[in-house]
Amino acid sequence: ALTWCLYGWLPPRAALFTGAIAVI
């Protein structure tokens, strides 16, 4: 849900990077 949320607000690369940092 966080990654899906970030894709709505950020460019795709930034959303994926931020989602990966959250997982870690």
PDB file of all heavy atoms in Angstrom:
ATOM      1  N   ALA A   1       0.822  -1.205   0.000  1.00  0.00           N
ATOM      2  CA  ALA A   1       0.000   0.000   0.000  1.00  0.00           C
ATOM      3  C   ALA A   1       0.860   1.260   0.000  1.00  0.00           C
ATOM      4  O   ALA A   1       0.529   2.247  -0.676  1.00  0.00           O
ATOM      5  CB  ALA A   1      -0.938   0.003   1.206  1.00  0.00           C
ATOM      6  N   LEU A   2       1.975   1.242   0.723  1.00  0.00           N
ATOM      7  CA  LEU A   2       2.872   2.393   0.754  1.00  0.00           C
ATOM      8  C   LEU A   2       3.468   2.655  -0.620  1.00  0.00           C
ATOM      9  O   LEU A   2       3.505   3.797  -1.085  1.00  0.00           O
ATOM     10  CB  LEU A   2       3.976   2.182   1.785  1.00  0.00           C
ATOM     11  CG  LEU A   2       5.036   3.281   1.862  1.00  0.00           C
ATOM     12  CD1 LEU A   2       4.422   4.585   2.326  1.00  0.00           C
ATOM     13  CD2 LEU A   2       6.167   2.861   2.783  1.00  0.00           C
ATOM     14  N   THR A   3       3.928   1.617  -1.280  1.00  0.00           N
ATOM     15  CA  THR A   3       4.501   1.793  -2.616  1.00  0.00           C
ATOM     16  C   THR A   3       3.439   2.275  -3.593  1.00  0.00           C
ATOM     17  O   THR A   3       3.689   3.169  -4.403  1.00  0.00           O
ATOM     18  CB  THR A   3       5.145   0.478  -3.096  1.00  0.00           C
ATOM     19  OG1 THR A   3       6.094   0.053  -2.100  1.00  0.00           O
ATOM     20  CG2 THR A   3       5.847   0.652  -4.416  1.00  0.00           C
ATOM     21  N   TRP A   4       2.234   1.723  -3.511  1.00  0.00           N
ATOM     22  CA  TRP A   4       1.129   2.185  -4.360  1.00  0.00           C
ATOM     23  C   TRP A   4       0.829   3.657  -4.086  1.00  0.00           C
ATOM     24  O   TRP A   4       0.627   4.447  -5.014  1.00  0.00           O
ATOM     25  CB  TRP A   4      -0.106   1.325  -4.111  1.00  0.00           C
ATOM     26  CG  TRP A   4      -1.287   1.724  -4.922  1.00  0.00           C
ATOM     27  CD1 TRP A   4      -1.549   1.386  -6.223  1.00  0.00           C
ATOM     28  CD2 TRP A   4      -2.388   2.539  -4.502  1.00  0.00           C
ATOM     29  NE1 TRP A   4      -2.741   1.940  -6.620  1.00  0.00           N
ATOM     30  CE2 TRP A   4      -3.268   2.654  -5.578  1.00  0.00           C
ATOM     31  CE3 TRP A   4      -2.698   3.182  -3.304  1.00  0.00           C
ATOM     32  CZ2 TRP A   4      -4.452   3.389  -5.515  1.00  0.00           C
ATOM     33  CZ3 TRP A   4      -3.879   3.908  -3.237  1.00  0.00           C
ATOM     34  CH2 TRP A   4      -4.735   3.997  -4.323  1.00  0.00           C
ATOM     35  N   CYS A   5       0.825   4.042  -2.817  1.00  0.00           N
ATOM     36  CA  CYS A   5       0.591   5.432  -2.433  1.00  0.00           C
ATOM     37  C   CYS A   5       1.662   6.341  -3.016  1.00  0.00           C
ATOM     38  O   CYS A   5       1.358   7.400  -3.571  1.00  0.00           O
ATOM     39  CB  CYS A   5       0.565   5.543  -0.910  1.00  0.00           C
ATOM     40  SG  CYS A   5       0.479   7.222  -0.274  1.00  0.00           S
ATOM     41  N   LEU A   6       2.920   5.940  -2.893  1.00  0.00           N
ATOM     42  CA  LEU A   6       4.021   6.756  -3.388  1.00  0.00           C
ATOM     43  C   LEU A   6       3.976   6.920  -4.903  1.00  0.00           C
ATOM     44  O   LEU A   6       4.333   7.978  -5.424  1.00  0.00           O
ATOM     45  CB  LEU A   6       5.353   6.136  -2.957  1.00  0.00           C
ATOM     46  CG  LEU A   6       5.645   6.190  -1.457  1.00  0.00           C
ATOM     47  CD1 LEU A   6       6.859   5.340  -1.128  1.00  0.00           C
ATOM     48  CD2 LEU A   6       5.833   7.618  -0.987  1.00  0.00           C
ATOM     49  N   TYR A   7       3.520   5.898  -5.628  1.00  0.00           N
ATOM     50  CA  TYR A   7       3.388   6.006  -7.081  1.00  0.00           C
ATOM     51  C   TYR A   7       2.362   7.067  -7.477  1.00  0.00           C
ATOM     52  O   TYR A   7       2.429   7.613  -8.563  1.00  0.00           O
ATOM     53  CB  TYR A   7       3.001   4.662  -7.697  1.00  0.00           C
ATOM     54  CG  TYR A   7       4.179   3.819  -8.102  1.00  0.00           C
ATOM     55  CD1 TYR A   7       4.611   2.780  -7.301  1.00  0.00           C
ATOM     56  CD2 TYR A   7       4.865   4.067  -9.286  1.00  0.00           C
ATOM     57  CE1 TYR A   7       5.693   2.003  -7.654  1.00  0.00           C
ATOM     58  CE2 TYR A   7       5.951   3.299  -9.645  1.00  0.00           C
ATOM     59  CZ  TYR A   7       6.364   2.271  -8.828  1.00  0.00           C
ATOM     60  OH  TYR A   7       7.442   1.511  -9.180  1.00  0.00           O
ATOM     61  N   GLY A   8       1.429   7.360  -6.601  1.00  0.00           N
ATOM     62  CA  GLY A   8       0.457   8.410  -6.885  1.00  0.00           C
ATOM     63  C   GLY A   8       1.028   9.808  -6.726  1.00  0.00           C
ATOM     64  O   GLY A   8       0.568  10.751  -7.358  1.00  0.00           O
ATOM     65  N   TRP A   9       2.036   9.951  -5.867  1.00  0.00           N
ATOM     66  CA  TRP A   9       2.573  11.270  -5.557  1.00  0.00           C
ATOM     67  C   TRP A   9       3.929  11.559  -6.187  1.00  0.00           C
ATOM     68  O   TRP A   9       4.277  12.716  -6.411  1.00  0.00           O
ATOM     69  CB  TRP A   9       2.707  11.429  -4.042  1.00  0.00           C
ATOM     70  CG  TRP A   9       1.396  11.531  -3.350  1.00  0.00           C
ATOM     71  CD1 TRP A   9       0.713  10.531  -2.738  1.00  0.00           C
ATOM     72  CD2 TRP A   9       0.587  12.696  -3.204  1.00  0.00           C
ATOM     73  NE1 TRP A   9      -0.467  10.994  -2.222  1.00  0.00           N
ATOM     74  CE2 TRP A   9      -0.568  12.329  -2.494  1.00  0.00           C
ATOM     75  CE3 TRP A   9       0.723  14.027  -3.608  1.00  0.00           C
ATOM     76  CZ2 TRP A   9      -1.576  13.229  -2.177  1.00  0.00           C
ATOM     77  CZ3 TRP A   9      -0.284  14.921  -3.281  1.00  0.00           C
ATOM     78  CH2 TRP A   9      -1.407  14.529  -2.584  1.00  0.00           C
ATOM     79  N   LEU A  10       4.732  10.521  -6.412  1.00  0.00           N
ATOM     80  CA  LEU A  10       6.105  10.705  -6.866  1.00  0.00           C
ATOM     81  C   LEU A  10       6.319  10.090  -8.247  1.00  0.00           C
ATOM     82  O   LEU A  10       5.540   9.239  -8.683  1.00  0.00           O
ATOM     83  CB  LEU A  10       7.076  10.026  -5.879  1.00  0.00           C
ATOM     84  CG  LEU A  10       7.050  10.505  -4.428  1.00  0.00           C
ATOM     85  CD1 LEU A  10       7.934   9.608  -3.572  1.00  0.00           C
ATOM     86  CD2 LEU A  10       7.492  11.950  -4.335  1.00  0.00           C
ATOM     87  N   PRO A  11       7.400  10.475  -8.926  1.00  0.00           N
ATOM     88  CA  PRO A  11       7.769   9.781 -10.159  1.00  0.00           C
ATOM     89  C   PRO A  11       8.062   8.307  -9.859  1.00  0.00           C
ATOM     90  O   PRO A  11       8.452   7.961  -8.740  1.00  0.00           O
ATOM     91  CB  PRO A  11       9.036  10.503 -10.630  1.00  0.00           C
ATOM     92  CG  PRO A  11       9.046  11.808  -9.917  1.00  0.00           C
ATOM     93  CD  PRO A  11       8.282  11.609  -8.643  1.00  0.00           C
ATOM     94  N   PRO A  12       7.908   7.420 -10.839  1.00  0.00           N
ATOM     95  CA  PRO A  12       8.052   5.982 -10.580  1.00  0.00           C
ATOM     96  C   PRO A  12       9.363   5.567  -9.919  1.00  0.00           C
ATOM     97  O   PRO A  12       9.356   4.763  -8.987  1.00  0.00           O
ATOM     98  CB  PRO A  12       7.909   5.357 -11.967  1.00  0.00           C
ATOM     99  CG  PRO A  12       7.091   6.333 -12.729  1.00  0.00           C
ATOM    100  CD  PRO A  12       7.466   7.685 -12.210  1.00  0.00           C
ATOM    101  N   ARG A  13      10.495   6.087 -10.365  1.00  0.00           N
ATOM    102  CA  ARG A  13      11.773   5.688  -9.762  1.00  0.00           C
ATOM    103  C   ARG A  13      11.863   6.114  -8.299  1.00  0.00           C
ATOM    104  O   ARG A  13      12.332   5.364  -7.445  1.00  0.00           O
ATOM    105  CB  ARG A  13      12.943   6.286 -10.538  1.00  0.00           C
ATOM    106  CG  ARG A  13      13.263   5.545 -11.784  1.00  0.00           C
ATOM    107  CD  ARG A  13      14.522   6.066 -12.396  1.00  0.00           C
ATOM    108  NE  ARG A  13      14.838   5.292 -13.577  1.00  0.00           N
ATOM    109  CZ  ARG A  13      15.746   5.620 -14.443  1.00  0.00           C
ATOM    110  NH1 ARG A  13      16.460   6.720 -14.263  1.00  0.00           N
ATOM    111  NH2 ARG A  13      15.983   4.867 -15.486  1.00  0.00           N
ATOM    112  N   ALA A  14      11.429   7.331  -8.006  1.00  0.00           N
ATOM    113  CA  ALA A  14      11.475   7.826  -6.632  1.00  0.00           C
ATOM    114  C   ALA A  14      10.530   7.020  -5.741  1.00  0.00           C
ATOM    115  O   ALA A  14      10.856   6.717  -4.589  1.00  0.00           O
ATOM    116  CB  ALA A  14      11.108   9.308  -6.582  1.00  0.00           C
ATOM    117  N   ALA A  15       9.376   6.650  -6.266  1.00  0.00           N
ATOM    118  CA  ALA A  15       8.422   5.857  -5.482  1.00  0.00           C
ATOM    119  C   ALA A  15       8.987   4.478  -5.178  1.00  0.00           C
ATOM    120  O   ALA A  15       8.893   3.996  -4.043  1.00  0.00           O
ATOM    121  CB  ALA A  15       7.103   5.732  -6.242  1.00  0.00           C
ATOM    122  N   LEU A  16       9.589   3.846  -6.166  1.00  0.00           N
ATOM    123  CA  LEU A  16      10.172   2.524  -5.961  1.00  0.00           C
ATOM    124  C   LEU A  16      11.348   2.591  -4.981  1.00  0.00           C
ATOM    125  O   LEU A  16      11.470   1.744  -4.086  1.00  0.00           O
ATOM    126  CB  LEU A  16      10.620   1.941  -7.299  1.00  0.00           C
ATOM    127  CG  LEU A  16      11.119   0.504  -7.257  1.00  0.00           C
ATOM    128  CD1 LEU A  16      10.013  -0.424  -6.762  1.00  0.00           C
ATOM    129  CD2 LEU A  16      11.574   0.071  -8.646  1.00  0.00           C
ATOM    130  N   PHE A  17      12.199   3.598  -5.133  1.00  0.00           N
ATOM    131  CA  PHE A  17      13.340   3.764  -4.233  1.00  0.00           C
ATOM    132  C   PHE A  17      12.866   3.992  -2.798  1.00  0.00           C
ATOM    133  O   PHE A  17      13.370   3.386  -1.855  1.00  0.00           O
ATOM    134  CB  PHE A  17      14.207   4.932  -4.707  1.00  0.00           C
ATOM    135  CG  PHE A  17      15.399   5.200  -3.839  1.00  0.00           C
ATOM    136  CD1 PHE A  17      16.474   4.326  -3.822  1.00  0.00           C
ATOM    137  CD2 PHE A  17      15.434   6.319  -3.023  1.00  0.00           C
ATOM    138  CE1 PHE A  17      17.569   4.562  -3.018  1.00  0.00           C
ATOM    139  CE2 PHE A  17      16.522   6.560  -2.208  1.00  0.00           C
ATOM    140  CZ  PHE A  17      17.593   5.682  -2.208  1.00  0.00           C
ATOM    141  N   THR A  18      11.870   4.859  -2.614  1.00  0.00           N
ATOM    142  CA  THR A  18      11.351   5.149  -1.273  1.00  0.00           C
ATOM    143  C   THR A  18      10.680   3.926  -0.671  1.00  0.00           C
ATOM    144  O   THR A  18      10.831   3.642   0.528  1.00  0.00           O
ATOM    145  CB  THR A  18      10.375   6.333  -1.326  1.00  0.00           C
ATOM    146  OG1 THR A  18      11.006   7.424  -2.003  1.00  0.00           O
ATOM    147  CG2 THR A  18       9.973   6.774   0.048  1.00  0.00           C
ATOM    148  N   GLY A  19       9.948   3.177  -1.478  1.00  0.00           N
ATOM    149  CA  GLY A  19       9.337   1.942  -0.996  1.00  0.00           C
ATOM    150  C   GLY A  19      10.379   0.920  -0.563  1.00  0.00           C
ATOM    151  O   GLY A  19      10.212   0.241   0.450  1.00  0.00           O
ATOM    152  N   ALA A  20      11.475   0.833  -1.326  1.00  0.00           N
ATOM    153  CA  ALA A  20      12.553  -0.100  -0.960  1.00  0.00           C
ATOM    154  C   ALA A  20      13.229   0.310   0.343  1.00  0.00           C
ATOM    155  O   ALA A  20      13.544  -0.537   1.186  1.00  0.00           O
ATOM    156  CB  ALA A  20      13.585  -0.168  -2.088  1.00  0.00           C
ATOM    157  N   ILE A  21      13.430   1.607   0.537  1.00  0.00           N
ATOM    158  CA  ILE A  21      14.019   2.084   1.796  1.00  0.00           C
ATOM    159  C   ILE A  21      13.089   1.761   2.960  1.00  0.00           C
ATOM    160  O   ILE A  21      13.533   1.366   4.042  1.00  0.00           O
ATOM    161  CB  ILE A  21      14.319   3.593   1.720  1.00  0.00           C
ATOM    162  CG1 ILE A  21      15.509   3.819   0.802  1.00  0.00           C
ATOM    163  CG2 ILE A  21      14.570   4.180   3.100  1.00  0.00           C
ATOM    164  CD1 ILE A  21      15.863   5.261   0.580  1.00  0.00           C
ATOM    165  N   ALA A  22      11.781   1.904   2.745  1.00  0.00           N
ATOM    166  CA  ALA A  22      10.822   1.588   3.807  1.00  0.00           C
ATOM    167  C   ALA A  22      10.902   0.114   4.182  1.00  0.00           C
ATOM    168  O   ALA A  22      10.872  -0.235   5.365  1.00  0.00           O
ATOM    169  CB  ALA A  22       9.407   1.946   3.364  1.00  0.00           C
ATOM    170  N   VAL A  23      11.012  -0.762   3.184  1.00  0.00           N
ATOM    171  CA  VAL A  23      11.106  -2.197   3.470  1.00  0.00           C
ATOM    172  C   VAL A  23      12.337  -2.484   4.317  1.00  0.00           C
ATOM    173  O   VAL A  23      12.268  -3.208   5.318  1.00  0.00           O
ATOM    174  CB  VAL A  23      11.146  -3.017   2.154  1.00  0.00           C
ATOM    175  CG1 VAL A  23      11.522  -4.453   2.426  1.00  0.00           C
ATOM    176  CG2 VAL A  23       9.813  -2.938   1.434  1.00  0.00           C
ATOM    177  N   ILE A  24      13.457  -1.899   3.959  1.00  0.00           N
ATOM    178  CA  ILE A  24      14.703  -2.145   4.679  1.00  0.00           C
ATOM    179  C   ILE A  24      14.630  -1.603   6.108  1.00  0.00           C
ATOM    180  O   ILE A  24      15.028  -2.265   7.063  1.00  0.00           O
ATOM    181  CB  ILE A  24      15.899  -1.523   3.922  1.00  0.00           C
ATOM    182  CG1 ILE A  24      16.105  -2.267   2.593  1.00  0.00           C
ATOM    183  CG2 ILE A  24      17.163  -1.551   4.770  1.00  0.00           C
ATOM    184  CD1 ILE A  24      17.023  -1.556   1.635  1.00  0.00           C
TER     185      ILE A  24
END
